Amino acid sequence: MILVAKILPYAQIILSVVLVAAILLQQSAAGLGGALGGDDSGSFHHTRRGFEKFLFYLTLICGILFALFAFLGIII
């Protein structure tokens, strides 16, 4: 248990850096018109493919792991 308590902060730092990088690398679908209440994207459906899909799943997994590690840090 002591080993986990020593490793946990470093794992959280690594996960937070990967999470921030994955979020920043994702393409934003909302342009200036979307920010002001308009609809810039049109009426078509966009599916994630390739690297965009990988980044989406990486963001989900890192977010869940970060939340679990934070909860584990509170318990320990």
N, C-alpha and C. Protein backbone atom coordinates (compact mmCIF):
# COMPACT_ATOMS: atom_id res chain seq x y z
N MET A 1 0.82 -1.20 0.00
CA MET A 1 0.00 0.00 0.00
C MET A 1 0.87 1.26 0.00
N ILE A 2 2.02 1.19 0.66
CA ILE A 2 2.92 2.34 0.70
C ILE A 2 3.49 2.61 -0.69
N LEU A 3 3.75 1.54 -1.44
CA LEU A 3 4.27 1.70 -2.81
C LEU A 3 3.25 2.40 -3.70
N VAL A 4 1.99 2.05 -3.54
CA VAL A 4 0.93 2.69 -4.33
C VAL A 4 0.83 4.17 -3.98
N ALA A 5 0.97 4.49 -2.71
CA ALA A 5 0.89 5.89 -2.28
C ALA A 5 2.07 6.70 -2.81
N LYS A 6 3.22 6.07 -3.03
CA LYS A 6 4.37 6.78 -3.57
C LYS A 6 4.26 6.96 -5.08
N ILE A 7 3.68 6.00 -5.77
CA ILE A 7 3.59 6.03 -7.24
C ILE A 7 2.39 6.86 -7.71
N LEU A 8 1.34 6.92 -6.93
CA LEU A 8 0.09 7.56 -7.34
C LEU A 8 0.24 9.02 -7.79
N PRO A 9 0.96 9.88 -7.10
CA PRO A 9 1.08 11.27 -7.59
C PRO A 9 1.76 11.38 -8.95
N TYR A 10 2.77 10.55 -9.18
CA TYR A 10 3.45 10.57 -10.48
C TYR A 10 2.54 10.06 -11.59
N ALA A 11 1.74 9.04 -11.29
CA ALA A 11 0.79 8.53 -12.27
C ALA A 11 -0.26 9.59 -12.60
N GLN A 12 -0.70 10.34 -11.60
CA GLN A 12 -1.67 11.40 -11.84
C GLN A 12 -1.09 12.52 -12.68
N ILE A 13 0.17 12.86 -12.46
CA ILE A 13 0.81 13.90 -13.27
C ILE A 13 0.92 13.47 -14.71
N ILE A 14 1.35 12.22 -14.94
CA ILE A 14 1.47 11.71 -16.31
C ILE A 14 0.10 11.66 -16.98
N LEU A 15 -0.91 11.17 -16.26
CA LEU A 15 -2.26 11.11 -16.82
C LEU A 15 -2.81 12.50 -17.13
N SER A 16 -2.52 13.46 -16.28
CA SER A 16 -3.04 14.81 -16.53
C SER A 16 -2.39 15.43 -17.76
N VAL A 17 -1.10 15.20 -17.96
CA VAL A 17 -0.42 15.74 -19.15
C VAL A 17 -0.97 15.09 -20.42
N VAL A 18 -1.16 13.77 -20.39
CA VAL A 18 -1.72 13.06 -21.55
C VAL A 18 -3.15 13.52 -21.81
N LEU A 19 -3.92 13.72 -20.76
CA LEU A 19 -5.31 14.16 -20.91
C LEU A 19 -5.40 15.55 -21.52
N VAL A 20 -4.58 16.47 -21.04
CA VAL A 20 -4.58 17.83 -21.59
C VAL A 20 -4.14 17.82 -23.05
N ALA A 21 -3.11 17.03 -23.37
CA ALA A 21 -2.64 16.95 -24.75
C ALA A 21 -3.71 16.36 -25.66
N ALA A 22 -4.40 15.31 -25.20
CA ALA A 22 -5.44 14.69 -26.01
C ALA A 22 -6.61 15.65 -26.23
N ILE A 23 -6.95 16.43 -25.24
CA ILE A 23 -8.04 17.40 -25.39
C ILE A 23 -7.66 18.51 -26.35
N LEU A 24 -6.43 19.01 -26.24
CA LEU A 24 -5.99 20.10 -27.10
C LEU A 24 -5.80 19.67 -28.55
N LEU A 25 -5.49 18.40 -28.79
CA LEU A 25 -5.29 17.92 -30.15
C LEU A 25 -6.59 17.65 -30.88
N GLN A 26 -7.70 17.56 -30.15
CA GLN A 26 -8.97 17.29 -30.81
C GLN A 26 -9.43 18.50 -31.60
N GLN A 27 -10.08 18.22 -32.72
CA GLN A 27 -10.57 19.29 -33.58
C GLN A 27 -11.85 19.86 -33.00
N SER A 28 -11.91 21.18 -32.96
CA SER A 28 -13.11 21.84 -32.45
C SER A 28 -14.14 21.95 -33.55
N ALA A 29 -15.37 21.54 -33.27
CA ALA A 29 -16.42 21.58 -34.29
C ALA A 29 -17.14 22.92 -34.30
N ALA A 30 -16.99 23.71 -33.25
CA ALA A 30 -17.70 24.98 -33.17
C ALA A 30 -16.79 26.11 -33.60
N GLY A 31 -17.20 26.85 -34.59
CA GLY A 31 -16.45 28.01 -35.03
C GLY A 31 -16.94 29.25 -34.31
N LEU A 32 -16.66 30.40 -34.87
CA LEU A 32 -17.08 31.66 -34.25
C LEU A 32 -18.60 31.79 -34.27
N GLY A 33 -19.22 31.33 -35.34
CA GLY A 33 -20.68 31.40 -35.41
C GLY A 33 -21.34 30.51 -34.37
N GLY A 34 -20.74 29.35 -34.11
CA GLY A 34 -21.28 28.46 -33.08
C GLY A 34 -21.13 29.04 -31.69
N ALA A 35 -20.06 29.80 -31.48
CA ALA A 35 -19.85 30.42 -30.18
C ALA A 35 -20.85 31.54 -29.92
N LEU A 36 -21.33 32.17 -30.99
CA LEU A 36 -22.26 33.29 -30.84
C LEU A 36 -23.72 32.86 -30.99
N GLY A 37 -23.95 31.56 -31.02
CA GLY A 37 -25.32 31.07 -31.07
C GLY A 37 -25.76 30.58 -32.42
N GLY A 38 -24.96 30.78 -33.44
CA GLY A 38 -25.32 30.29 -34.77
C GLY A 38 -24.89 28.85 -34.95
N ASP A 39 -25.07 28.34 -36.16
CA ASP A 39 -24.69 26.97 -36.45
C ASP A 39 -23.76 26.97 -37.64
N ASP A 40 -22.45 26.84 -37.39
CA ASP A 40 -21.46 26.83 -38.45
C ASP A 40 -21.29 25.47 -39.11
N SER A 41 -21.61 24.42 -38.40
CA SER A 41 -21.28 23.08 -38.88
C SER A 41 -22.22 22.57 -39.95
N GLY A 42 -23.31 23.20 -40.19
CA GLY A 42 -24.25 22.71 -41.18
C GLY A 42 -25.15 21.64 -40.60
N SER A 43 -25.80 20.89 -41.46
CA SER A 43 -26.74 19.89 -40.97
C SER A 43 -26.27 18.47 -41.26
N PHE A 44 -25.00 18.26 -41.48
CA PHE A 44 -24.50 16.92 -41.76
C PHE A 44 -24.00 16.25 -40.49
N HIS A 45 -23.98 14.93 -40.52
CA HIS A 45 -23.52 14.14 -39.38
C HIS A 45 -22.05 13.82 -39.56
N HIS A 46 -21.25 14.06 -38.53
CA HIS A 46 -19.81 13.83 -38.60
C HIS A 46 -19.46 12.61 -37.77
N THR A 47 -18.82 11.62 -38.38
CA THR A 47 -18.37 10.45 -37.64
C THR A 47 -16.87 10.53 -37.43
N ARG A 48 -16.42 10.06 -36.29
CA ARG A 48 -14.99 10.08 -35.99
C ARG A 48 -14.33 8.89 -36.69
N ARG A 49 -13.19 9.15 -37.29
CA ARG A 49 -12.44 8.09 -37.96
C ARG A 49 -10.97 8.27 -37.70
N GLY A 50 -10.26 7.16 -37.68
CA GLY A 50 -8.80 7.20 -37.59
C GLY A 50 -8.29 7.82 -36.31
N PHE A 51 -7.39 8.79 -36.47
CA PHE A 51 -6.71 9.41 -35.33
C PHE A 51 -7.68 10.18 -34.44
N GLU A 52 -8.71 10.76 -35.05
CA GLU A 52 -9.71 11.50 -34.27
C GLU A 52 -10.46 10.56 -33.33
N LYS A 53 -10.77 9.36 -33.81
CA LYS A 53 -11.45 8.37 -32.98
C LYS A 53 -10.52 7.88 -31.86
N PHE A 54 -9.24 7.69 -32.19
CA PHE A 54 -8.26 7.29 -31.19
C PHE A 54 -8.12 8.34 -30.09
N LEU A 55 -8.05 9.62 -30.48
CA LEU A 55 -7.96 10.70 -29.49
C LEU A 55 -9.19 10.77 -28.60
N PHE A 56 -10.37 10.53 -29.18
CA PHE A 56 -11.61 10.55 -28.42
C PHE A 56 -11.60 9.46 -27.35
N TYR A 57 -11.23 8.24 -27.74
CA TYR A 57 -11.20 7.14 -26.78
C TYR A 57 -10.07 7.33 -25.76
N LEU A 58 -8.93 7.87 -26.20
CA LEU A 58 -7.83 8.15 -25.28
C LEU A 58 -8.25 9.17 -24.23
N THR A 59 -9.00 10.19 -24.65
CA THR A 59 -9.49 11.20 -23.72
C THR A 59 -10.45 10.58 -22.70
N LEU A 60 -11.35 9.74 -23.17
CA LEU A 60 -12.29 9.08 -22.25
C LEU A 60 -11.56 8.20 -21.24
N ILE A 61 -10.64 7.38 -21.71
CA ILE A 61 -9.93 6.46 -20.83
C ILE A 61 -9.07 7.23 -19.82
N CYS A 62 -8.34 8.26 -20.29
CA CYS A 62 -7.51 9.04 -19.38
C CYS A 62 -8.34 9.80 -18.36
N GLY A 63 -9.49 10.31 -18.77
CA GLY A 63 -10.37 11.01 -17.84
C GLY A 63 -10.91 10.09 -16.75
N ILE A 64 -11.31 8.89 -17.15
CA ILE A 64 -11.82 7.92 -16.18
C ILE A 64 -10.71 7.46 -15.24
N LEU A 65 -9.54 7.16 -15.79
CA LEU A 65 -8.41 6.75 -14.95
C LEU A 65 -7.98 7.85 -13.99
N PHE A 66 -7.97 9.10 -14.47
CA PHE A 66 -7.59 10.21 -13.61
C PHE A 66 -8.58 10.37 -12.45
N ALA A 67 -9.86 10.23 -12.74
CA ALA A 67 -10.87 10.32 -11.68
C ALA A 67 -10.72 9.18 -10.68
N LEU A 68 -10.46 7.97 -11.18
CA LEU A 68 -10.26 6.83 -10.28
C LEU A 68 -9.02 7.00 -9.42
N PHE A 69 -7.92 7.49 -10.02
CA PHE A 69 -6.70 7.71 -9.26
C PHE A 69 -6.89 8.80 -8.21
N ALA A 70 -7.64 9.84 -8.55
CA ALA A 70 -7.91 10.91 -7.59
C ALA A 70 -8.75 10.37 -6.41
N PHE A 71 -9.73 9.55 -6.72
CA PHE A 71 -10.55 8.93 -5.67
C PHE A 71 -9.70 8.00 -4.81
N LEU A 72 -8.81 7.24 -5.46
CA LEU A 72 -7.92 6.34 -4.73
C LEU A 72 -6.97 7.15 -3.84
N GLY A 73 -6.53 8.29 -4.33
CA GLY A 73 -5.66 9.15 -3.52
C GLY A 73 -6.36 9.69 -2.29
N ILE A 74 -7.65 9.94 -2.39
CA ILE A 74 -8.42 10.40 -1.23
C ILE A 74 -8.56 9.27 -0.20
N ILE A 75 -8.78 8.06 -0.69
CA ILE A 75 -8.97 6.93 0.20
C ILE A 75 -7.66 6.57 0.93
N ILE A 76 -6.56 6.62 0.20
CA ILE A 76 -5.26 6.24 0.81
C ILE A 76 -4.77 7.33 1.64
